[in-house]
Structure formats: C-alpha cells, structure tokens
C-alpha cells in the first residue's frame, strides 16, 4: 500500500509529461482520486503497534541505504491531508486554461508523489531525496505559470529551500557516520556496510552534546525555511502572491507541512541531546513569528498577501506546540496541520475567485458582495470562522491543544502565543467585512455567485471545517498511539 501512494501519481505524471495526451485534467483528477481511495482504505488499518503497510527493498545495500516506506498514525494524517487536498486543488484549477495543460498537471502529480514519499520514507537518505524532489515541480509551476516578476521571486524561493536542505543533508550524513550496525565496539574503525540510514538506526545514535547542537541546527535550518519560521520567512509572501493559485495551494496547504512533519519525525528524534540548549531559542523564534506576521497581516490591503502572512502566524503556532514536545503540543500540531491545510486552501481559492471576478486583490475595491452572492458569502464565513478558531469549527481544538502545550512548556510564551487568536480575529474578520459587507461598488454590483464546481470545492472545505470541529477525536484517536510511542522513545 505504501508504494501505491508514490506509483500512481508518478505514472500519471510520466504519461502527462511525456505523451501530453488530451484530457489532462481528467487524468490528473483520476490519479488524485485513486490516491484518496487508497488513503481511505488505510484508515481501517491498525497503527497501535507501530508501523504498518511497510515496504522495504535494498537500494544501495553496501552503504546501508534502502527504499523503505511505512506509515503510522502520524504519517496517515499527513497522507489524508495530501491526498484529500490534491483532488480539490485539481478541481479548483478546472476553469483555468493554462498553456500546455499536460505539463502543468504532470508537474502537479509529480509533486504529489514526492510529498507522499516525504511522509512515508523510513530511510534518511530516501527522505532527503523526496524532500528535494518536491521542490523541482513547484519551482517550474511557479516559474512558468506565475505572475509578475515570477523568475526573480521563484529563484529566491529555490535558493532558500535548497540551501536549507543542504544543511540537513550534512547533519544527516554526520549522524549516519555514527551509526554502527555491525556490533563493533564504540570507537572502533567502522567497516564498509556498517552504517545505516534506517530511521531506527539513526535514532539509536547517542551524540555528544556539542555535536548534537550542530546536527539539530542543521535540521532546524532546513525545516524552518520550509514552514517558514522567522527570520527565514522572507521568501514566502512574495512566492505565495506570485505563484498560480494551484501552486499557492500546494505550497501553503501541503508543502510547508514537510517542515513541521520533519521536526516530529527527524529533527528531534535524531538530536534530542541538544534540545535543552537550542529548543528555547527555536520556540521563541516561532512565537515571535506569530506576533510579527499577525501585526503585518492586520496592515495588509492585498487580500492574498494577508492570507500569506496569516499562514506564517498559524504555522508558527504549530511549530511552537510541536517544539514544546509534550502530548498536547504534538497532538495539537498534527491536528492543526490537517486543519490549517484545509482552511488555507479554501481561503486561497476564495482569493482566486475574487481576483478572477473583480480583476483586483485590493480590499479597498471590494464590498457589498453578500447582496449578489449569498452562497459565496456563507461559505466564505464558515472558512473564516475555522481560520480564527471559533468553537465548534476545526481550528478550535487544534489551537486549544497547541496553546496548552506551549503554556505547559512556558507560561509567558503561552500567553504571547495566545495573542494569535485575537490578532487572527482582527485581520480575518476585517477582511471578510470589507469584502462581503458595506456599500456595493460598481465593480461588485453584479458579482457572480459560485457555480456548481466552485460550490463543490468550497462546500467540501466548509463541511470539513464543521465536521472536524465537532469530531476532532476522529483524528486524535488515529494519532494517539503513535504520538505516545515517539514521545516515550525520545525524551530530553
């Protein structure tokens, strides 16, 4: 089953990129739905005893490298996020007529397969390969179909993420060279084949504190760029604004979760010895990023840029909760990764609808849309309420657990992180009011309400906002055993 999540999108991507057939949208949607069906099947599997649906074959056996895949409850939620949002992103792009559509949808599927690989990889080098592979298609999607000044902005994004990944590679290789799978005495000269990139072997290494500091920092630089965490966030707003809507959805909804997932699965387990030293700095940066991005979001007049900065704030809270490394924080982080992906994809789709219908993203040029588009206004409101964590929406249980986790780590950091709820309500409700209410303008007087396809996408997202708000335990129950296992195995 694990291999299917990679093979289906890769095969469909190869067909679209090499053969460029007609009906590329339908092929991409079928591949996305096939992966979604496989994800639904995996929901019935048992993850209480550890990894399930495993697949492992030697890749470079002499170097201890294997093509090893597997999933536990944490991986499963990441697969749900990826393979649930992918069909919605494809359908949301349906009315767009991209030049060379087979190439666009082929790159989208290539990224989908790489993202699934990131979450499934149980070998360090395989994780790095998929982590880097996911960067290639999104680079071309942004560079080919992006907006004004796309080449410069996309190149900045590529340099940030690629350089950050190199630090992770160096850290990963250092830990790999300390592995010893032949039973040699500590300090003995390792023989060929005595090292391993297997997750269990990497985690078993006991690093000296000084070395662990550098290893932890290397991983943090890679994941902090991807999330992003202040001050490594400067590529994000411009990239989100310039990228085509499908690319922005992929980046914000799924790709940045590679960073938060990497913290849980790789960064902390491989170098827990350094957490006492560096973690206070990391979590403080995450909390500062929440406040910084929230204040900037309040002042934005471009609605797409506002949503981009709101994403930095929300992901900063996810990062802070995970770095607190307690059950509430990690459980809340996983739940909120799913919820943030759903909400932010809905918000960027709404921004796309506004821009296509009005020809602008300026809040000052909007107003009174509720009169001519009541269905749009209602669906928009539900998604906004989820984004600001109103009780009985999907954002509330995740943010509650995250704040509880940060609070238990440090009272004052918890208080500062809690300001995200206040700031979020200010900038999101302000934006909603300026778009939907107020005086109708000539540009908005005949604003077209959502068509059936748009209603389908927004309706599914709004439905998930409500369902996950009422039943968060459906997610927390799937991840609890896996979270307990990794917390008990990795302590500092």
Protein backbone atom coordinates (compact mmCIF):
# COMPACT_ATOMS: atom_id res chain seq x y z
CA UNK A 1 0.00 0.00 0.00
CA UNK A 2 2.79 2.45 0.79
CA UNK A 3 4.27 2.08 -2.68
CA UNK A 4 0.91 2.76 -4.33
CA UNK A 5 0.85 6.32 -2.97
CA UNK A 6 4.02 7.06 -4.94
CA UNK A 7 3.49 4.93 -8.04
CA UNK A 8 0.05 6.22 -9.02
CA UNK A 9 0.96 9.93 -9.24
CA UNK A 10 4.41 9.20 -10.72
CA UNK A 11 2.99 7.02 -13.50
CA UNK A 12 0.23 9.52 -14.28
CA UNK A 13 2.80 12.34 -14.21
CA UNK A 14 5.05 10.50 -16.66
CA UNK A 15 2.10 9.98 -19.03
CA UNK A 16 1.20 13.67 -18.95
CA UNK A 17 4.76 14.98 -19.22
CA UNK A 18 5.98 12.58 -21.90
CA UNK A 19 2.91 11.82 -24.02
CA UNK A 20 0.95 15.04 -23.40
CA UNK A 21 -2.45 13.48 -24.12
CA UNK A 22 -5.79 15.27 -24.26
CA UNK A 23 -7.95 15.25 -21.18
CA UNK A 24 -5.05 16.02 -18.86
CA UNK A 25 -7.39 17.44 -16.23
CA UNK A 26 -9.38 14.20 -16.09
CA UNK A 27 -6.22 12.07 -15.90
CA UNK A 28 -4.87 14.19 -13.04
CA UNK A 29 -8.19 14.04 -11.19
CA UNK A 30 -8.45 10.26 -11.58
CA UNK A 31 -4.92 9.83 -10.21
CA UNK A 32 -5.74 12.11 -7.27
CA UNK A 33 -8.97 10.25 -6.53
CA UNK A 34 -7.16 6.89 -6.74
CA UNK A 35 -4.71 8.05 -4.09
CA UNK A 36 -7.60 9.34 -2.00
CA UNK A 37 -9.28 5.92 -2.22
CA UNK A 38 -6.03 4.25 -1.11
CA UNK A 39 -5.87 6.66 1.83
CA UNK A 40 -9.43 5.80 2.81
CA UNK A 41 -8.50 2.10 2.79
CA UNK A 42 -5.52 2.76 5.08
CA UNK A 43 -7.78 4.42 7.64
CA UNK A 44 -9.02 0.95 8.58
CA UNK A 45 -5.53 -0.41 9.34
CA UNK A 46 -4.15 -0.84 12.87
CA UNK A 47 -1.33 1.52 13.85
CA UNK A 48 -1.36 0.89 17.59
CA UNK A 49 1.66 -1.45 17.45
CA UNK A 50 3.89 0.67 15.22
CA UNK A 51 4.50 0.95 11.51
CA UNK A 52 2.02 -0.67 9.13
CA UNK A 53 1.81 -1.08 5.34
CA UNK A 54 5.60 -1.27 5.19
CA UNK A 55 7.67 -1.76 2.05
CA UNK A 56 11.44 -2.14 2.04
CA UNK A 57 13.97 -3.26 -0.55
CA UNK A 58 17.75 -2.66 -0.58
CA UNK A 59 18.70 0.35 -2.65
CA UNK A 60 22.45 0.67 -2.08
CA UNK A 61 22.94 -2.22 0.33
CA UNK A 62 26.68 -1.70 0.76
CA UNK A 63 26.04 1.81 2.09
CA UNK A 64 23.08 0.87 4.29
CA UNK A 65 20.55 2.67 2.05
CA UNK A 66 17.15 1.11 1.45
CA UNK A 67 13.95 2.10 -0.30
CA UNK A 68 11.99 1.80 2.91
CA UNK A 69 8.42 3.06 3.35
CA UNK A 70 5.89 2.73 6.14
CA UNK A 71 3.12 4.52 7.95
CA UNK A 72 1.92 5.04 11.48
CA UNK A 73 -0.87 7.28 12.71
CA UNK A 74 1.19 10.45 12.22
CA UNK A 75 2.07 9.52 8.64
CA UNK A 76 -1.54 8.58 7.95
CA UNK A 77 -2.83 12.06 8.82
CA UNK A 78 -0.23 13.59 6.51
CA UNK A 79 -1.40 11.27 3.73
CA UNK A 80 -5.01 12.24 4.43
CA UNK A 81 -4.03 15.90 4.17
CA UNK A 82 -2.08 15.44 0.93
CA UNK A 83 -4.46 13.15 -0.90
CA UNK A 84 -7.62 14.92 0.25
CA UNK A 85 -6.43 18.34 -0.86
CA UNK A 86 -4.90 17.21 -4.17
CA UNK A 87 -8.24 16.46 -5.92
CA UNK A 88 -9.70 19.71 -4.55
CA UNK A 89 -6.72 21.66 -5.93
CA UNK A 90 -7.14 19.97 -9.31
CA UNK A 91 -10.88 20.71 -9.44
CA UNK A 92 -10.31 24.31 -8.32
CA UNK A 93 -7.96 24.76 -11.31
CA UNK A 94 -10.50 23.28 -13.74
CA UNK A 95 -11.81 26.59 -15.09
CA UNK A 96 -8.29 27.89 -15.64
CA UNK A 97 -6.90 27.40 -19.13
CA UNK A 98 -3.17 27.02 -18.61
CA UNK A 99 -0.78 26.99 -21.52
CA UNK A 100 0.40 23.41 -22.02
CA UNK A 101 -2.00 21.89 -19.51
CA UNK A 102 -0.48 18.36 -19.60
CA UNK A 103 2.80 19.82 -18.34
CA UNK A 104 1.05 21.76 -15.54
CA UNK A 105 -0.94 18.77 -14.27
CA UNK A 106 2.02 16.44 -14.80
CA UNK A 107 4.18 18.61 -12.55
CA UNK A 108 1.36 18.79 -10.00
CA UNK A 109 1.18 14.98 -9.87
CA UNK A 110 4.96 14.68 -9.68
CA UNK A 111 4.85 16.91 -6.62
CA UNK A 112 2.02 14.85 -5.15
CA UNK A 113 4.07 11.66 -5.42
CA UNK A 114 7.12 13.34 -3.89
CA UNK A 115 5.07 14.71 -0.98
CA UNK A 116 3.68 11.26 -0.25
CA UNK A 117 7.24 9.95 -0.37
CA UNK A 118 8.40 12.51 2.19
CA UNK A 119 5.76 11.37 4.67
CA UNK A 120 6.25 7.64 4.02
CA UNK A 121 10.08 7.48 3.95
CA UNK A 122 11.67 5.44 6.74
CA UNK A 123 15.21 5.83 5.39
CA UNK A 124 17.05 9.09 5.97
CA UNK A 125 18.54 9.42 2.51
CA UNK A 126 15.23 8.46 0.87
CA UNK A 127 13.53 11.16 2.93
CA UNK A 128 16.08 13.69 1.67
CA UNK A 129 15.61 12.59 -1.96
CA UNK A 130 11.83 13.03 -1.81
CA UNK A 131 12.24 16.28 0.16
CA UNK A 132 14.36 17.74 -2.65
CA UNK A 133 12.27 16.17 -5.43
CA UNK A 134 9.17 18.01 -4.19
CA UNK A 135 10.99 21.31 -4.79
CA UNK A 136 11.53 20.73 -8.54
CA UNK A 137 7.92 20.64 -9.81
CA UNK A 138 6.74 23.54 -7.65
CA UNK A 139 9.69 25.61 -8.92
CA UNK A 140 8.60 25.09 -12.53
CA UNK A 141 4.91 25.59 -11.71
CA UNK A 142 5.70 28.98 -10.17
CA UNK A 143 8.30 29.97 -12.77
CA UNK A 144 6.18 29.07 -15.83
CA UNK A 145 2.64 29.97 -14.75
CA UNK A 146 3.35 32.55 -12.04
CA UNK A 147 2.63 36.27 -12.11
CA UNK A 148 4.72 39.38 -12.45
CA UNK A 149 8.43 39.13 -11.59
CA UNK A 150 8.00 35.38 -11.13
CA UNK A 151 11.54 34.37 -12.15
CA UNK A 152 13.29 36.51 -9.53
CA UNK A 153 10.83 35.57 -6.78
CA UNK A 154 10.85 31.87 -7.62
CA UNK A 155 14.66 31.81 -7.76
CA UNK A 156 14.76 33.33 -4.26
CA UNK A 157 12.38 30.64 -3.04
CA UNK A 158 14.50 27.92 -4.66
CA UNK A 159 17.76 29.21 -3.17
CA UNK A 160 16.28 29.49 0.32
CA UNK A 161 14.86 25.98 0.36
CA UNK A 162 17.75 24.31 -1.45
CA UNK A 163 20.45 25.83 0.76
CA UNK A 164 18.43 24.97 3.86
CA UNK A 165 18.18 21.38 2.68
CA UNK A 166 21.96 21.17 2.27
CA UNK A 167 22.39 21.89 5.99
CA UNK A 168 20.01 18.99 6.69
CA UNK A 169 22.00 16.71 4.39
CA UNK A 170 25.25 17.49 6.20
CA UNK A 171 23.59 16.84 9.57
CA UNK A 172 22.04 13.61 8.30
CA UNK A 173 25.37 12.35 6.94
CA UNK A 174 27.08 13.11 10.25
CA UNK A 175 24.57 11.03 12.19
CA UNK A 176 24.79 8.29 9.54
CA UNK A 177 28.56 8.07 10.02
CA UNK A 178 28.00 7.47 13.75
CA UNK A 179 25.68 4.52 13.18
CA UNK A 180 27.10 1.10 13.88
CA UNK A 181 25.00 -1.86 12.76
CA UNK A 182 27.77 -4.48 12.90
CA UNK A 183 28.18 -4.58 16.64
CA UNK A 184 31.69 -3.10 16.61
CA UNK A 185 32.93 -1.70 19.92
CA UNK A 186 32.36 2.01 20.38
CA UNK A 187 35.19 3.99 18.80
CA UNK A 188 36.33 1.10 16.59
CA UNK A 189 37.01 1.73 12.92
CA UNK A 190 33.75 1.12 11.06
CA UNK A 191 33.85 -1.28 8.13
CA UNK A 192 32.07 -0.90 4.80
CA UNK A 193 28.41 -1.64 5.24
CA UNK A 194 28.42 -0.94 8.99
CA UNK A 195 26.43 2.29 8.63
CA UNK A 196 22.73 2.67 8.02
CA UNK A 197 20.25 5.38 7.02
CA UNK A 198 17.33 3.46 8.58
CA UNK A 199 15.29 5.67 10.90
CA UNK A 200 15.64 3.28 13.84
CA UNK A 201 19.44 3.12 13.44
CA UNK A 202 19.79 6.89 13.14
CA UNK A 203 17.66 7.47 16.25
CA UNK A 204 19.71 4.94 18.22
CA UNK A 205 22.89 7.05 17.87
CA UNK A 206 23.92 8.84 21.07
CA UNK A 207 25.52 12.12 20.06
CA UNK A 208 27.87 14.18 22.25
CA UNK A 209 26.13 17.44 23.28
CA UNK A 210 28.40 19.68 21.19
CA UNK A 211 27.88 17.56 18.06
CA UNK A 212 24.16 17.28 18.72
CA UNK A 213 23.87 21.07 18.73
CA UNK A 214 25.18 21.28 15.17
CA UNK A 215 23.04 18.37 14.00
CA UNK A 216 19.89 19.88 15.48
CA UNK A 217 20.72 23.28 13.99
CA UNK A 218 21.25 21.74 10.53
CA UNK A 219 17.83 20.11 10.58
CA UNK A 220 16.19 23.22 12.01
CA UNK A 221 17.53 25.45 9.23
CA UNK A 222 16.02 23.15 6.60
CA UNK A 223 12.63 22.81 8.26
CA UNK A 224 12.42 26.43 9.45
CA UNK A 225 12.80 27.63 5.86
CA UNK A 226 10.10 25.28 4.64
CA UNK A 227 7.50 26.15 7.30
CA UNK A 228 8.66 29.09 7.39
CA UNK A 229 9.75 30.36 10.82
CA UNK A 230 11.01 33.90 11.46
CA UNK A 231 13.52 35.15 10.28
CA UNK A 232 13.70 32.61 7.42
CA UNK A 233 10.24 33.52 6.13
CA UNK A 234 11.02 36.33 3.68
CA UNK A 235 10.60 34.17 0.56
CA UNK A 236 7.05 33.18 1.48
CA UNK A 237 4.75 36.19 0.99
CA UNK A 238 6.11 37.09 -2.46
CA UNK A 239 6.11 33.46 -3.59
CA UNK A 240 2.53 32.86 -2.44
CA UNK A 241 1.33 36.03 -4.15
CA UNK A 242 3.19 35.40 -7.41
CA UNK A 243 2.51 31.67 -7.78
CA UNK A 244 -0.56 30.50 -9.70
CA UNK A 245 -3.43 29.62 -7.40
CA UNK A 246 -2.81 25.86 -7.66
CA UNK A 247 0.84 26.39 -6.79
CA UNK A 248 -0.04 28.59 -3.82
CA UNK A 249 -2.45 25.93 -2.55
CA UNK A 250 0.21 23.24 -2.85
CA UNK A 251 2.79 25.37 -1.06
CA UNK A 252 0.57 26.55 1.78
CA UNK A 253 -1.73 23.57 2.18
CA UNK A 254 0.73 20.70 1.91
CA UNK A 255 4.36 21.53 1.17
CA UNK A 256 5.08 23.58 4.28
CA UNK A 257 3.86 20.60 6.35
CA UNK A 258 7.05 18.81 5.26
CA UNK A 259 8.83 21.11 7.71
CA UNK A 260 6.53 20.55 10.68
CA UNK A 261 6.39 16.81 10.00
CA UNK A 262 10.18 16.72 9.71
CA UNK A 263 10.52 18.25 13.18
CA UNK A 264 8.43 15.44 14.67
CA UNK A 265 9.88 12.53 12.71
CA UNK A 266 13.50 13.50 12.13
CA UNK A 267 14.83 16.64 13.81
CA UNK A 268 14.00 15.99 17.47
CA UNK A 269 14.41 12.16 17.43
CA UNK A 270 17.88 12.36 15.83
CA UNK A 271 19.33 15.01 18.16
CA UNK A 272 17.33 15.16 21.39
CA UNK A 273 20.57 15.74 23.31
CA UNK A 274 20.65 19.34 22.03
CA UNK A 275 17.04 20.24 22.76
CA UNK A 276 17.75 21.62 26.23
CA UNK A 277 20.27 24.04 24.72
CA UNK A 278 18.65 25.15 21.47
CA UNK A 279 14.94 24.50 21.90
CA UNK A 280 14.27 27.67 23.94
CA UNK A 281 15.70 29.70 21.04
CA UNK A 282 13.69 27.80 18.41
CA UNK A 283 10.37 28.05 20.23
CA UNK A 284 10.96 31.74 20.97
CA UNK A 285 11.53 32.39 17.26
CA UNK A 286 8.30 30.56 16.46
CA UNK A 287 6.30 32.63 18.96
CA UNK A 288 7.90 35.88 17.79
CA UNK A 289 6.97 34.92 14.23
CA UNK A 290 3.33 34.56 15.29
CA UNK A 291 3.24 38.14 16.59
CA UNK A 292 5.32 39.58 13.74
CA UNK A 293 3.24 38.00 10.97
CA UNK A 294 -0.06 38.81 12.69
CA UNK A 295 0.77 42.50 13.04
CA UNK A 296 1.80 42.71 9.37
CA UNK A 297 -1.37 40.85 8.31
CA UNK A 298 -3.52 43.45 10.09
CA UNK A 299 -1.98 46.19 7.94
CA UNK A 300 -2.37 44.44 4.57
CA UNK A 301 -4.63 45.81 1.83
CA UNK A 302 -3.93 42.94 -0.62
CA UNK A 303 -6.10 40.01 0.47
CA UNK A 304 -3.77 37.37 -0.97
CA UNK A 305 -0.80 38.80 0.89
CA UNK A 306 -2.96 38.97 4.04
CA UNK A 307 -3.69 35.25 3.81
CA UNK A 308 0.01 34.57 3.19
CA UNK A 309 1.04 36.35 6.41
CA UNK A 310 -1.80 34.67 8.32
CA UNK A 311 -0.32 31.35 7.24
CA UNK A 312 3.04 32.29 8.78
CA UNK A 313 1.28 33.08 12.06
CA UNK A 314 -0.71 29.85 12.15
CA UNK A 315 2.27 27.68 11.26
CA UNK A 316 4.35 29.49 13.88
CA UNK A 317 1.87 28.28 16.49
CA UNK A 318 2.05 24.73 15.09
CA UNK A 319 5.85 24.83 15.28
CA UNK A 320 5.80 26.19 18.84
CA UNK A 321 3.40 23.48 20.00
CA UNK A 322 5.47 20.70 18.45
CA UNK A 323 8.73 22.08 19.87
CA UNK A 324 7.16 22.08 23.34
CA UNK A 325 7.38 18.27 22.91
CA UNK A 326 4.53 17.25 25.15
CA UNK A 327 1.44 15.27 24.25
CA UNK A 328 -0.90 18.24 23.97
CA UNK A 329 1.53 20.16 21.77
CA UNK A 330 2.37 17.32 19.40
CA UNK A 331 -1.23 16.08 19.13
CA UNK A 332 -2.41 19.64 18.55
CA UNK A 333 0.33 20.18 15.96
CA UNK A 334 -0.69 17.15 13.93
CA UNK A 335 -4.39 18.02 14.13
CA UNK A 336 -3.72 21.63 13.19
CA UNK A 337 -1.51 20.65 10.26
CA UNK A 338 -4.58 18.98 8.78
CA UNK A 339 -6.92 21.82 9.70
CA UNK A 340 -4.59 24.59 8.52
CA UNK A 341 -4.17 22.85 5.17
CA UNK A 342 -7.93 22.63 4.69
CA UNK A 343 -8.58 26.22 5.76
CA UNK A 344 -5.77 27.89 3.85
CA UNK A 345 -6.62 26.07 0.60
CA UNK A 346 -10.19 27.33 1.00
CA UNK A 347 -9.00 30.87 1.64
CA UNK A 348 -6.68 30.96 -1.36
CA UNK A 349 -9.45 29.56 -3.57
CA UNK A 350 -11.72 32.37 -2.37
CA UNK A 351 -8.97 34.89 -3.15
CA UNK A 352 -8.70 33.39 -6.64
CA UNK A 353 -12.47 33.73 -7.20
CA UNK A 354 -12.38 37.36 -6.09
CA UNK A 355 -9.41 38.18 -8.32
CA UNK A 356 -10.92 36.48 -11.38
CA UNK A 357 -14.30 38.16 -10.98
CA UNK A 358 -13.13 41.63 -9.93
CA UNK A 359 -9.68 41.87 -11.50
CA UNK A 360 -8.17 43.04 -8.22
CA UNK A 361 -7.00 41.79 -4.84
CA UNK A 362 -7.29 45.17 -3.13
CA UNK A 363 -9.69 45.14 -0.18
CA UNK A 364 -10.42 48.81 -0.79
CA UNK A 365 -12.02 47.94 -4.14
CA UNK A 366 -14.41 45.35 -2.68
CA UNK A 367 -17.63 45.47 -0.71
CA UNK A 368 -21.30 44.51 -0.72
CA UNK A 369 -20.77 41.10 -2.32
CA UNK A 370 -23.24 39.38 0.03
CA UNK A 371 -26.16 41.02 -1.80
CA UNK A 372 -25.41 39.38 -5.13
CA UNK A 373 -23.56 36.23 -3.95
CA UNK A 374 -25.13 34.90 -0.72
CA UNK A 375 -23.79 31.34 -1.16
CA UNK A 376 -20.27 32.65 -1.64
CA UNK A 377 -20.63 34.86 1.46
CA UNK A 378 -21.90 31.97 3.61
CA UNK A 379 -19.15 29.54 2.58
CA UNK A 380 -16.53 32.27 2.99
CA UNK A 381 -17.79 32.95 6.52
CA UNK A 382 -17.57 29.28 7.57
CA UNK A 383 -13.96 29.03 6.37
CA UNK A 384 -13.04 32.33 8.08
CA UNK A 385 -14.55 31.09 11.35
CA UNK A 386 -12.44 27.94 11.10
CA UNK A 387 -9.35 30.03 10.45
CA UNK A 388 -9.90 32.17 13.56
CA UNK A 389 -10.59 29.08 15.72
CA UNK A 390 -14.18 29.77 16.71
CA UNK A 391 -15.50 26.94 18.95
CA UNK A 392 -17.18 24.07 17.04
CA UNK A 393 -15.02 24.75 13.98
CA UNK A 394 -11.94 22.73 13.06
CA UNK A 395 -9.46 25.42 14.13
CA UNK A 396 -10.56 25.46 17.77
CA UNK A 397 -9.49 22.02 19.14
CA UNK A 398 -6.11 22.18 17.39
CA UNK A 399 -5.28 25.68 18.61
CA UNK A 400 -6.51 24.82 22.11
CA UNK A 401 -4.16 21.84 22.31
CA UNK A 402 -1.27 23.84 20.84
CA UNK A 403 -1.71 26.68 23.31
CA UNK A 404 -2.00 24.16 26.13
CA UNK A 405 1.25 22.56 25.01
CA UNK A 406 3.12 25.87 24.81
CA UNK A 407 1.59 27.01 28.13
CA UNK A 408 2.84 23.84 29.84
CA UNK A 409 6.30 24.47 28.39
CA UNK A 410 6.48 28.12 29.42
CA UNK A 411 3.69 30.30 30.84
CA UNK A 412 4.76 33.57 29.21
CA UNK A 413 5.38 32.02 25.80
CA UNK A 414 1.90 30.51 26.08
CA UNK A 415 0.42 33.95 26.80
CA UNK A 416 2.20 35.52 23.83
CA UNK A 417 1.25 32.65 21.52
CA UNK A 418 -2.37 33.05 22.63
CA UNK A 419 -2.44 36.52 21.08
CA UNK A 420 -2.67 34.81 17.69
CA UNK A 421 -6.37 34.19 18.36
CA UNK A 422 -7.01 37.90 18.96
CA UNK A 423 -4.92 39.09 16.02
CA UNK A 424 -6.40 36.40 13.77
CA UNK A 425 -9.91 37.53 14.55
CA UNK A 426 -8.94 41.15 13.85
CA UNK A 427 -7.40 40.70 10.41
CA UNK A 428 -9.66 37.92 9.11
CA UNK A 429 -12.97 39.45 10.22
CA UNK A 430 -11.81 42.86 8.99
CA UNK A 431 -11.03 41.38 5.57
CA UNK A 432 -14.34 39.49 5.49
CA UNK A 433 -16.29 42.63 6.35
CA UNK A 434 -14.55 44.68 3.66
CA UNK A 435 -15.21 42.02 1.02
CA UNK A 436 -18.75 40.94 1.83
CA UNK A 437 -20.47 43.82 3.63
CA UNK A 438 -20.52 47.57 3.24
CA UNK A 439 -21.54 49.65 0.30
CA UNK A 440 -21.88 47.91 -3.05
CA UNK A 441 -19.48 49.26 -5.68
CA UNK A 442 -19.99 49.27 -9.45
CA UNK A 443 -17.37 46.50 -9.72
CA UNK A 444 -19.14 44.29 -7.17
CA UNK A 445 -22.75 45.06 -8.02
CA UNK A 446 -23.06 42.09 -10.36
CA UNK A 447 -20.62 39.77 -8.61
CA UNK A 448 -21.37 36.24 -9.81
CA UNK A 449 -22.21 33.68 -7.14
CA UNK A 450 -20.35 30.36 -7.04
CA UNK A 451 -21.04 27.91 -9.86
CA UNK A 452 -21.60 24.17 -9.17
CA UNK A 453 -17.89 23.27 -9.43
CA UNK A 454 -16.82 26.12 -7.16
CA UNK A 455 -19.63 25.26 -4.74
CA UNK A 456 -18.39 21.66 -4.65
CA UNK A 457 -14.86 22.68 -3.65
CA UNK A 458 -15.89 25.31 -1.10
CA UNK A 459 -18.75 23.13 0.17
CA UNK A 460 -16.41 20.21 0.89
CA UNK A 461 -13.96 22.52 2.67
CA UNK A 462 -16.72 24.21 4.69
CA UNK A 463 -18.16 20.79 5.57
CA UNK A 464 -14.75 19.64 6.85
CA UNK A 465 -14.45 22.83 8.92
CA UNK A 466 -17.65 21.91 10.73
CA UNK A 467 -17.21 18.12 10.93
CA UNK A 468 -13.66 18.28 12.29
CA UNK A 469 -14.78 20.96 14.74
CA UNK A 470 -17.41 18.62 16.18
CA UNK A 471 -15.37 15.40 15.91
CA UNK A 472 -11.63 16.15 16.40
CA UNK A 473 -11.27 12.81 18.18
CA UNK A 474 -11.58 11.11 14.80
CA UNK A 475 -8.09 12.45 14.07
CA UNK A 476 -6.66 12.42 17.59
CA UNK A 477 -7.63 8.76 18.03
CA UNK A 478 -5.66 7.78 14.93
CA UNK A 479 -2.50 9.53 16.09
CA UNK A 480 -2.55 8.99 19.85
CA UNK A 481 -0.71 5.66 19.97
CA UNK A 482 1.97 6.89 17.54
CA UNK A 483 2.45 10.14 19.46
CA UNK A 484 2.73 8.29 22.77
CA UNK A 485 5.29 5.96 21.24
CA UNK A 486 7.54 8.69 19.82
CA UNK A 487 7.30 10.83 22.98
CA UNK A 488 8.27 7.91 25.20
CA UNK A 489 11.13 6.92 22.89
CA UNK A 490 12.51 10.45 22.51
CA UNK A 491 12.87 12.32 25.75
CA UNK A 492 15.12 15.19 26.78
